[in-house]
Amino acid sequence: MNQSIASLVQTLSDLLEKSSIKIALAESCTGGLLAAHLTAQAGSSRWFDRGFVTYSNAAKTESIGVSPSQIEQYGAVSEEIAKAMAQGALKHSEAQTSIAITGIAGPGGATENKPVGMVCFAWAIQKPSNPARLIGNTQHFNGDRQAIREQACIYALDQLIQILSRPD
């Protein structure tokens, strides 16, 4: 595991344990890579609930309840679908926070409006004392398929750490 990812996972682990919350993932373009990074951490069973690898549109619909009409309207690579994936991961798990990642890692699959390296993220947080938060963001990464997937994992972790570190 790359050192920056290892340090991010350790930081997230500490935050999740301190808050007594668990995480679930809904991954598309990263294909379970983020789940692999999280579960490489010893003791992750205390805070990692589950990961959904919803690579196909059918998997997004069947596993985590993303609406086919939403996929048709926005496309699988969109913040709207990332948000629906994050919400679905929470709904279909015992977790209180989730990360969703959907994007185009390449080398194929790009369109004029959705280039290789475009990755959409969402983070959902449901703490008992607060209203649910749902945050979406789109980033553009450079490099080959593996580099884009690794950068997506790093960004997703870094952003969740920032979100969870903010005062309620």
N, C-alpha and C. Protein backbone atom coordinates (compact mmCIF):
# COMPACT_ATOMS: atom_id res chain seq x y z
N MET A 1 0.86 -1.18 0.00
CA MET A 1 0.00 0.00 0.00
C MET A 1 0.90 1.23 0.00
N ASN A 2 0.61 2.14 -0.88
CA ASN A 2 1.32 3.41 -1.02
C ASN A 2 1.26 4.16 0.32
N GLN A 3 2.37 4.78 0.71
CA GLN A 3 2.46 5.40 2.04
C GLN A 3 1.41 6.49 2.25
N SER A 4 1.15 7.30 1.23
CA SER A 4 0.16 8.35 1.45
C SER A 4 -1.23 7.74 1.68
N ILE A 5 -1.54 6.67 0.97
CA ILE A 5 -2.82 6.00 1.21
C ILE A 5 -2.81 5.38 2.61
N ALA A 6 -1.72 4.75 2.99
CA ALA A 6 -1.63 4.13 4.31
C ALA A 6 -1.85 5.16 5.42
N SER A 7 -1.26 6.34 5.27
CA SER A 7 -1.43 7.36 6.31
C SER A 7 -2.86 7.91 6.31
N LEU A 8 -3.45 8.05 5.13
CA LEU A 8 -4.85 8.48 5.06
C LEU A 8 -5.77 7.45 5.70
N VAL A 9 -5.53 6.17 5.42
CA VAL A 9 -6.36 5.12 6.01
C VAL A 9 -6.22 5.13 7.53
N GLN A 10 -5.01 5.32 8.03
CA GLN A 10 -4.81 5.38 9.48
C GLN A 10 -5.57 6.56 10.09
N THR A 11 -5.49 7.72 9.44
CA THR A 11 -6.20 8.90 9.93
C THR A 11 -7.71 8.66 9.93
N LEU A 12 -8.22 8.09 8.83
CA LEU A 12 -9.65 7.80 8.76
C LEU A 12 -10.05 6.77 9.81
N SER A 13 -9.24 5.75 9.98
CA SER A 13 -9.49 4.73 10.99
C SER A 13 -9.64 5.37 12.36
N ASP A 14 -8.72 6.25 12.70
CA ASP A 14 -8.77 6.93 14.00
C ASP A 14 -10.05 7.75 14.15
N LEU A 15 -10.42 8.47 13.10
CA LEU A 15 -11.64 9.29 13.14
C LEU A 15 -12.89 8.43 13.31
N LEU A 16 -12.97 7.35 12.54
CA LEU A 16 -14.15 6.49 12.60
C LEU A 16 -14.26 5.83 13.96
N GLU A 17 -13.14 5.34 14.49
CA GLU A 17 -13.18 4.71 15.81
C GLU A 17 -13.55 5.71 16.90
N LYS A 18 -12.98 6.90 16.82
CA LYS A 18 -13.27 7.95 17.82
C LYS A 18 -14.75 8.31 17.80
N SER A 19 -15.34 8.32 16.63
CA SER A 19 -16.76 8.68 16.47
C SER A 19 -17.69 7.48 16.62
N SER A 20 -17.12 6.29 16.73
CA SER A 20 -17.91 5.05 16.81
C SER A 20 -18.86 4.91 15.62
N ILE A 21 -18.32 5.19 14.42
CA ILE A 21 -19.14 5.00 13.22
C ILE A 21 -18.42 4.06 12.26
N LYS A 22 -19.23 3.45 11.41
CA LYS A 22 -18.72 2.52 10.40
C LYS A 22 -18.91 3.12 9.02
N ILE A 23 -18.12 2.59 8.08
CA ILE A 23 -18.16 3.09 6.71
C ILE A 23 -18.56 1.97 5.76
N ALA A 24 -19.27 2.36 4.71
CA ALA A 24 -19.59 1.47 3.59
C ALA A 24 -19.14 2.20 2.31
N LEU A 25 -18.82 1.42 1.31
CA LEU A 25 -18.37 1.98 0.04
C LEU A 25 -19.27 1.51 -1.09
N ALA A 26 -19.40 2.36 -2.10
CA ALA A 26 -20.03 1.99 -3.37
C ALA A 26 -19.04 2.41 -4.45
N GLU A 27 -18.36 1.44 -5.03
CA GLU A 27 -17.31 1.73 -6.00
C GLU A 27 -17.69 1.25 -7.39
N SER A 28 -17.40 2.07 -8.37
CA SER A 28 -17.56 1.66 -9.76
C SER A 28 -16.18 1.64 -10.41
N CYS A 29 -15.65 2.76 -10.83
CA CYS A 29 -14.39 2.76 -11.59
C CYS A 29 -13.20 2.26 -10.78
N THR A 30 -13.26 2.35 -9.47
CA THR A 30 -12.16 1.86 -8.64
C THR A 30 -12.27 0.35 -8.37
N GLY A 31 -13.39 -0.25 -8.70
CA GLY A 31 -13.54 -1.70 -8.69
C GLY A 31 -13.13 -2.42 -7.41
N GLY A 32 -13.33 -1.79 -6.27
CA GLY A 32 -12.98 -2.41 -5.00
C GLY A 32 -11.60 -2.03 -4.49
N LEU A 33 -10.88 -1.20 -5.23
CA LEU A 33 -9.54 -0.79 -4.82
C LEU A 33 -9.57 -0.05 -3.49
N LEU A 34 -10.55 0.83 -3.29
CA LEU A 34 -10.63 1.56 -2.03
C LEU A 34 -10.92 0.60 -0.87
N ALA A 35 -11.82 -0.34 -1.09
CA ALA A 35 -12.11 -1.35 -0.06
C ALA A 35 -10.84 -2.14 0.27
N ALA A 36 -10.05 -2.47 -0.73
CA ALA A 36 -8.81 -3.21 -0.49
C ALA A 36 -7.85 -2.38 0.36
N HIS A 37 -7.75 -1.09 0.06
CA HIS A 37 -6.88 -0.22 0.86
C HIS A 37 -7.37 -0.13 2.31
N LEU A 38 -8.66 0.03 2.49
CA LEU A 38 -9.20 0.16 3.85
C LEU A 38 -9.03 -1.12 4.65
N THR A 39 -9.29 -2.25 4.01
CA THR A 39 -9.21 -3.52 4.75
C THR A 39 -7.79 -4.03 4.89
N ALA A 40 -6.82 -3.39 4.26
CA ALA A 40 -5.41 -3.72 4.48
C ALA A 40 -4.96 -3.25 5.87
N GLN A 41 -5.72 -2.33 6.45
CA GLN A 41 -5.43 -1.80 7.79
C GLN A 41 -5.85 -2.83 8.84
N ALA A 42 -4.93 -3.22 9.69
CA ALA A 42 -5.26 -4.14 10.78
C ALA A 42 -6.34 -3.50 11.66
N GLY A 43 -7.32 -4.28 12.04
CA GLY A 43 -8.40 -3.78 12.90
C GLY A 43 -9.52 -3.11 12.14
N SER A 44 -9.47 -3.14 10.82
CA SER A 44 -10.50 -2.44 10.03
C SER A 44 -11.90 -3.01 10.26
N SER A 45 -11.99 -4.23 10.74
CA SER A 45 -13.33 -4.80 10.99
C SER A 45 -14.10 -4.02 12.05
N ARG A 46 -13.42 -3.21 12.83
CA ARG A 46 -14.10 -2.39 13.84
C ARG A 46 -14.87 -1.23 13.21
N TRP A 47 -14.46 -0.78 12.01
CA TRP A 47 -15.08 0.40 11.42
C TRP A 47 -15.46 0.24 9.94
N PHE A 48 -15.05 -0.85 9.29
CA PHE A 48 -15.43 -1.08 7.89
C PHE A 48 -16.59 -2.05 7.86
N ASP A 49 -17.74 -1.61 7.36
CA ASP A 49 -18.92 -2.48 7.33
C ASP A 49 -18.94 -3.33 6.06
N ARG A 50 -18.91 -2.68 4.90
CA ARG A 50 -18.97 -3.43 3.63
C ARG A 50 -18.67 -2.52 2.45
N GLY A 51 -18.39 -3.18 1.33
CA GLY A 51 -18.17 -2.46 0.09
C GLY A 51 -19.00 -3.07 -1.02
N PHE A 52 -19.58 -2.23 -1.83
CA PHE A 52 -20.34 -2.66 -2.99
C PHE A 52 -19.52 -2.29 -4.23
N VAL A 53 -19.19 -3.26 -5.06
CA VAL A 53 -18.55 -2.96 -6.33
C VAL A 53 -19.67 -3.02 -7.36
N THR A 54 -20.16 -1.85 -7.72
CA THR A 54 -21.31 -1.74 -8.62
C THR A 54 -20.82 -1.19 -9.95
N TYR A 55 -20.11 -2.04 -10.65
CA TYR A 55 -19.46 -1.64 -11.89
C TYR A 55 -20.47 -1.41 -13.01
N SER A 56 -21.42 -2.31 -13.13
CA SER A 56 -22.43 -2.16 -14.18
C SER A 56 -23.61 -1.33 -13.69
N ASN A 57 -24.38 -0.82 -14.63
CA ASN A 57 -25.59 -0.08 -14.27
C ASN A 57 -26.57 -1.00 -13.55
N ALA A 58 -26.66 -2.25 -14.00
CA ALA A 58 -27.57 -3.20 -13.35
C ALA A 58 -27.15 -3.42 -11.90
N ALA A 59 -25.86 -3.50 -11.64
CA ALA A 59 -25.38 -3.68 -10.26
C ALA A 59 -25.74 -2.47 -9.41
N LYS A 60 -25.62 -1.28 -9.98
CA LYS A 60 -25.97 -0.06 -9.22
C LYS A 60 -27.45 -0.12 -8.82
N THR A 61 -28.28 -0.58 -9.71
CA THR A 61 -29.72 -0.66 -9.46
C THR A 61 -30.05 -1.80 -8.50
N GLU A 62 -29.54 -2.99 -8.78
CA GLU A 62 -29.90 -4.18 -8.00
C GLU A 62 -29.28 -4.19 -6.60
N SER A 63 -28.05 -3.74 -6.47
CA SER A 63 -27.34 -3.85 -5.19
C SER A 63 -27.60 -2.70 -4.23
N ILE A 64 -27.70 -1.48 -4.78
CA ILE A 64 -27.82 -0.32 -3.88
C ILE A 64 -28.99 0.61 -4.23
N GLY A 65 -29.85 0.16 -5.14
CA GLY A 65 -31.10 0.88 -5.37
C GLY A 65 -31.03 2.15 -6.18
N VAL A 66 -29.99 2.32 -7.01
CA VAL A 66 -29.94 3.49 -7.88
C VAL A 66 -31.02 3.33 -8.94
N SER A 67 -31.79 4.37 -9.15
CA SER A 67 -32.89 4.34 -10.10
C SER A 67 -32.39 4.26 -11.54
N PRO A 68 -32.90 3.29 -12.33
CA PRO A 68 -32.52 3.22 -13.75
C PRO A 68 -32.83 4.52 -14.49
N SER A 69 -33.92 5.19 -14.11
CA SER A 69 -34.27 6.44 -14.79
C SER A 69 -33.24 7.54 -14.48
N GLN A 70 -32.68 7.53 -13.27
CA GLN A 70 -31.60 8.48 -12.94
C GLN A 70 -30.36 8.20 -13.78
N ILE A 71 -30.02 6.93 -13.92
CA ILE A 71 -28.85 6.57 -14.73
C ILE A 71 -29.07 7.02 -16.17
N GLU A 72 -30.28 6.79 -16.67
CA GLU A 72 -30.60 7.20 -18.04
C GLU A 72 -30.54 8.72 -18.19
N GLN A 73 -31.04 9.44 -17.20
CA GLN A 73 -31.08 10.90 -17.26
C GLN A 73 -29.70 11.53 -17.15
N TYR A 74 -28.88 11.06 -16.20
CA TYR A 74 -27.61 11.73 -15.90
C TYR A 74 -26.38 10.99 -16.42
N GLY A 75 -26.53 9.70 -16.69
CA GLY A 75 -25.39 8.87 -17.04
C GLY A 75 -24.74 8.34 -15.77
N ALA A 76 -24.13 7.16 -15.88
CA ALA A 76 -23.55 6.50 -14.70
C ALA A 76 -22.42 7.33 -14.10
N VAL A 77 -21.73 8.10 -14.93
CA VAL A 77 -20.65 8.94 -14.42
C VAL A 77 -21.20 10.36 -14.26
N SER A 78 -21.70 10.63 -13.05
CA SER A 78 -22.28 11.94 -12.74
C SER A 78 -22.34 12.08 -11.23
N GLU A 79 -22.35 13.31 -10.77
CA GLU A 79 -22.49 13.53 -9.32
C GLU A 79 -23.83 13.02 -8.81
N GLU A 80 -24.86 13.15 -9.64
CA GLU A 80 -26.19 12.68 -9.22
C GLU A 80 -26.16 11.18 -8.91
N ILE A 81 -25.48 10.41 -9.77
CA ILE A 81 -25.41 8.96 -9.56
C ILE A 81 -24.48 8.65 -8.40
N ALA A 82 -23.38 9.38 -8.28
CA ALA A 82 -22.49 9.18 -7.13
C ALA A 82 -23.27 9.40 -5.83
N LYS A 83 -24.09 10.44 -5.77
CA LYS A 83 -24.88 10.71 -4.57
C LYS A 83 -25.88 9.58 -4.32
N ALA A 84 -26.53 9.10 -5.36
CA ALA A 84 -27.48 8.00 -5.21
C ALA A 84 -26.76 6.74 -4.74
N MET A 85 -25.54 6.53 -5.22
CA MET A 85 -24.74 5.38 -4.79
C MET A 85 -24.37 5.50 -3.31
N ALA A 86 -23.96 6.70 -2.89
CA ALA A 86 -23.59 6.91 -1.48
C ALA A 86 -24.79 6.68 -0.56
N GLN A 87 -25.95 7.19 -0.97
CA GLN A 87 -27.16 6.98 -0.18
C GLN A 87 -27.55 5.51 -0.16
N GLY A 88 -27.42 4.84 -1.30
CA GLY A 88 -27.75 3.42 -1.38
C GLY A 88 -26.82 2.57 -0.52
N ALA A 89 -25.54 2.95 -0.47
CA ALA A 89 -24.58 2.21 0.37
C ALA A 89 -24.99 2.31 1.84
N LEU A 90 -25.42 3.50 2.26
CA LEU A 90 -25.87 3.65 3.65
C LEU A 90 -27.13 2.84 3.90
N LYS A 91 -28.07 2.95 2.98
CA LYS A 91 -29.36 2.28 3.15
C LYS A 91 -29.22 0.76 3.22
N HIS A 92 -28.25 0.22 2.49
CA HIS A 92 -28.08 -1.23 2.40
C HIS A 92 -26.93 -1.73 3.26
N SER A 93 -26.63 -1.00 4.35
CA SER A 93 -25.54 -1.40 5.23
C SER A 93 -25.87 -1.00 6.66
N GLU A 94 -24.94 -1.26 7.54
CA GLU A 94 -25.04 -0.86 8.94
C GLU A 94 -24.17 0.38 9.20
N ALA A 95 -23.68 0.99 8.15
CA ALA A 95 -22.74 2.12 8.27
C ALA A 95 -23.47 3.44 8.50
N GLN A 96 -22.71 4.40 9.02
CA GLN A 96 -23.22 5.77 9.21
C GLN A 96 -22.55 6.76 8.26
N THR A 97 -21.56 6.29 7.52
CA THR A 97 -20.93 7.15 6.51
C THR A 97 -20.59 6.29 5.31
N SER A 98 -20.56 6.91 4.14
CA SER A 98 -20.23 6.16 2.93
C SER A 98 -19.48 7.04 1.95
N ILE A 99 -18.76 6.35 1.07
CA ILE A 99 -18.09 6.99 -0.05
C ILE A 99 -18.57 6.28 -1.30
N ALA A 100 -18.89 7.05 -2.34
CA ALA A 100 -19.22 6.48 -3.65
C ALA A 100 -18.29 7.09 -4.69
N ILE A 101 -17.86 6.24 -5.62
CA ILE A 101 -16.93 6.67 -6.68
C ILE A 101 -17.42 6.08 -7.99
N THR A 102 -17.58 6.93 -8.99
CA THR A 102 -17.92 6.49 -10.34
C THR A 102 -17.18 7.39 -11.32
N GLY A 103 -16.58 6.79 -12.33
CA GLY A 103 -15.80 7.61 -13.25
C GLY A 103 -15.32 6.85 -14.46
N ILE A 104 -14.44 7.51 -15.20
CA ILE A 104 -13.89 6.94 -16.43
C ILE A 104 -12.37 6.85 -16.25
N ALA A 105 -11.91 5.63 -15.96
CA ALA A 105 -10.49 5.41 -15.70
C ALA A 105 -9.71 5.18 -17.00
N GLY A 106 -10.40 4.90 -18.08
CA GLY A 106 -9.75 4.75 -19.38
C GLY A 106 -9.15 3.37 -19.59
N PRO A 107 -8.48 3.18 -20.69
CA PRO A 107 -8.21 4.19 -21.70
C PRO A 107 -9.42 4.51 -22.60
N GLY A 108 -10.43 3.62 -22.60
CA GLY A 108 -11.62 3.87 -23.41
C GLY A 108 -12.75 4.38 -22.54
N GLY A 109 -13.94 4.50 -23.16
CA GLY A 109 -15.14 4.87 -22.42
C GLY A 109 -15.43 6.35 -22.34
N ALA A 110 -14.52 7.17 -22.84
CA ALA A 110 -14.71 8.62 -22.75
C ALA A 110 -15.69 9.12 -23.80
N THR A 111 -16.30 10.25 -23.49
CA THR A 111 -17.12 10.98 -24.45
C THR A 111 -16.62 12.42 -24.46
N GLU A 112 -17.17 13.22 -25.31
CA GLU A 112 -16.76 14.63 -25.39
C GLU A 112 -16.98 15.34 -24.05
N ASN A 113 -18.08 15.05 -23.39
CA ASN A 113 -18.40 15.72 -22.13
C ASN A 113 -17.86 15.00 -20.89
N LYS A 114 -17.42 13.75 -21.08
CA LYS A 114 -16.92 12.95 -19.95
C LYS A 114 -15.60 12.30 -20.37
N PRO A 115 -14.51 13.05 -20.20
CA PRO A 115 -13.20 12.55 -20.65
C PRO A 115 -12.61 11.51 -19.70
N VAL A 116 -11.61 10.78 -20.20
CA VAL A 116 -10.85 9.87 -19.35
C VAL A 116 -10.28 10.70 -18.19
N GLY A 117 -10.40 10.17 -17.00
CA GLY A 117 -9.91 10.86 -15.81
C GLY A 117 -10.99 11.59 -15.04
N MET A 118 -12.18 11.70 -15.61
CA MET A 118 -13.29 12.35 -14.90
C MET A 118 -13.85 11.35 -13.89
N VAL A 119 -13.86 11.75 -12.63
CA VAL A 119 -14.36 10.88 -11.57
C VAL A 119 -15.31 11.68 -10.68
N CYS A 120 -16.48 11.11 -10.43
CA CYS A 120 -17.49 11.74 -9.58
C CYS A 120 -17.53 11.01 -8.24
N PHE A 121 -17.63 11.80 -7.20
CA PHE A 121 -17.59 11.29 -5.83
C PHE A 121 -18.82 11.75 -5.08
N ALA A 122 -19.15 10.99 -4.04
CA ALA A 122 -20.14 11.45 -3.07
C ALA A 122 -19.79 10.85 -1.71
N TRP A 123 -20.09 11.63 -0.68
CA TRP A 123 -19.88 11.24 0.71
C TRP A 123 -21.19 11.47 1.44
N ALA A 124 -21.67 10.44 2.11
CA ALA A 124 -22.89 10.56 2.90
C ALA A 124 -22.53 10.31 4.36
N ILE A 125 -23.07 11.13 5.22
CA ILE A 125 -22.81 11.01 6.66
C ILE A 125 -24.14 11.08 7.38
N GLN A 126 -24.41 10.07 8.20
CA GLN A 126 -25.64 10.04 8.99
C GLN A 126 -25.27 9.84 10.45
N LYS A 127 -25.18 10.93 11.18
CA LYS A 127 -24.92 10.85 12.61
C LYS A 127 -26.24 11.04 13.34
N PRO A 128 -26.45 10.31 14.42
CA PRO A 128 -27.74 10.39 15.13
C PRO A 128 -28.12 11.80 15.56
N SER A 129 -27.13 12.60 15.93
CA SER A 129 -27.43 13.93 16.47
C SER A 129 -27.65 15.00 15.40
N ASN A 130 -27.36 14.67 14.14
CA ASN A 130 -27.42 15.69 13.08
C ASN A 130 -28.23 15.22 11.89
N PRO A 131 -28.71 16.16 11.08
CA PRO A 131 -29.35 15.75 9.83
C PRO A 131 -28.30 15.12 8.90
N ALA A 132 -28.76 14.24 8.05
CA ALA A 132 -27.85 13.59 7.10
C ALA A 132 -27.21 14.63 6.19
N ARG A 133 -25.94 14.39 5.86
CA ARG A 133 -25.23 15.25 4.91
C ARG A 133 -24.88 14.42 3.69
N LEU A 134 -25.01 15.03 2.52
CA LEU A 134 -24.68 14.38 1.26
C LEU A 134 -23.91 15.40 0.43
N ILE A 135 -22.67 15.06 0.12
CA ILE A 135 -21.78 15.98 -0.58
C ILE A 135 -21.29 15.30 -1.85
N GLY A 136 -21.35 15.99 -2.96
CA GLY A 136 -20.85 15.47 -4.23
C GLY A 136 -19.77 16.37 -4.80
N ASN A 137 -18.91 15.78 -5.62
CA ASN A 137 -17.81 16.53 -6.22
C ASN A 137 -17.31 15.77 -7.43
N THR A 138 -16.82 16.49 -8.43
CA THR A 138 -16.23 15.88 -9.61
C THR A 138 -14.81 16.38 -9.76
N GLN A 139 -13.92 15.45 -10.06
CA GLN A 139 -12.51 15.77 -10.25
C GLN A 139 -12.05 15.20 -11.59
N HIS A 140 -10.95 15.76 -12.09
CA HIS A 140 -10.33 15.26 -13.32
C HIS A 140 -8.89 14.90 -12.98
N PHE A 141 -8.55 13.63 -13.17
CA PHE A 141 -7.21 13.13 -12.87
C PHE A 141 -6.48 12.80 -14.17
N ASN A 142 -5.16 12.82 -14.10
CA ASN A 142 -4.33 12.48 -15.25
C ASN A 142 -3.60 11.18 -15.00
N GLY A 143 -3.16 10.56 -16.08
CA GLY A 143 -2.37 9.34 -15.98
C GLY A 143 -3.07 8.17 -16.60
N ASP A 144 -2.47 6.99 -16.42
CA ASP A 144 -3.06 5.78 -16.96
C ASP A 144 -4.18 5.30 -16.03
N ARG A 145 -4.78 4.19 -16.41
CA ARG A 145 -5.93 3.64 -15.67
C ARG A 145 -5.62 3.47 -14.19
N GLN A 146 -4.49 2.84 -13.87
CA GLN A 146 -4.16 2.59 -12.47
C GLN A 146 -3.91 3.89 -11.72
N ALA A 147 -3.24 4.84 -12.35
CA ALA A 147 -2.96 6.12 -11.70
C ALA A 147 -4.26 6.86 -11.39
N ILE A 148 -5.19 6.83 -12.31
CA ILE A 148 -6.48 7.50 -12.09
C ILE A 148 -7.23 6.83 -10.94
N ARG A 149 -7.22 5.52 -10.89
CA ARG A 149 -7.91 4.79 -9.82
C ARG A 149 -7.27 5.09 -8.46
N GLU A 150 -5.94 5.11 -8.40
CA GLU A 150 -5.24 5.42 -7.14
C GLU A 150 -5.52 6.86 -6.69
N GLN A 151 -5.46 7.80 -7.64
CA GLN A 151 -5.74 9.20 -7.30
C GLN A 151 -7.16 9.35 -6.78
N ALA A 152 -8.10 8.60 -7.36
CA ALA A 152 -9.49 8.65 -6.91
C ALA A 152 -9.60 8.16 -5.46
N CYS A 153 -8.88 7.11 -5.13
CA CYS A 153 -8.91 6.59 -3.75
C CYS A 153 -8.34 7.62 -2.78
N ILE A 154 -7.21 8.20 -3.14
CA ILE A 154 -6.57 9.20 -2.28
C ILE A 154 -7.50 10.39 -2.06
N TYR A 155 -8.09 10.88 -3.14
CA TYR A 155 -8.99 12.04 -3.05
C TYR A 155 -10.21 11.71 -2.18
N ALA A 156 -10.80 10.53 -2.39
CA ALA A 156 -12.00 10.14 -1.64
C ALA A 156 -11.71 10.08 -0.15
N LEU A 157 -10.57 9.51 0.22
CA LEU A 157 -10.19 9.41 1.63
C LEU A 157 -9.91 10.79 2.21
N ASP A 158 -9.13 11.58 1.50
CA ASP A 158 -8.77 12.91 1.98
C ASP A 158 -10.01 13.77 2.23
N GLN A 159 -10.95 13.72 1.32
CA GLN A 159 -12.16 14.53 1.46
C GLN A 159 -13.02 14.05 2.63
N LEU A 160 -13.15 12.73 2.81
CA LEU A 160 -13.96 12.24 3.93
C LEU A 160 -13.30 12.63 5.26
N ILE A 161 -12.00 12.56 5.32
CA ILE A 161 -11.29 12.98 6.53
C ILE A 161 -11.60 14.44 6.83
N GLN A 162 -11.56 15.28 5.80
CA GLN A 162 -11.87 16.71 6.01
C GLN A 162 -13.32 16.89 6.46
N ILE A 163 -14.24 16.17 5.84
CA ILE A 163 -15.66 16.28 6.21
C ILE A 163 -15.88 15.85 7.67
N LEU A 164 -15.31 14.72 8.05
CA LEU A 164 -15.52 14.20 9.40
C LEU A 164 -14.78 15.02 10.46
N SER A 165 -13.75 15.75 10.04
CA SER A 165 -12.98 16.56 10.98
C SER A 165 -13.62 17.91 11.28
N ARG A 166 -14.58 18.31 10.45
CA ARG A 166 -15.27 19.58 10.69
C ARG A 166 -16.15 19.47 11.92
N PRO A 167 -16.24 20.56 12.69
CA PRO A 167 -17.16 20.52 13.83
C PRO A 167 -18.60 20.42 13.33
N ASP A 168 -19.42 19.70 14.07
CA ASP A 168 -20.83 19.52 13.66
C ASP A 168 -21.63 20.78 13.75
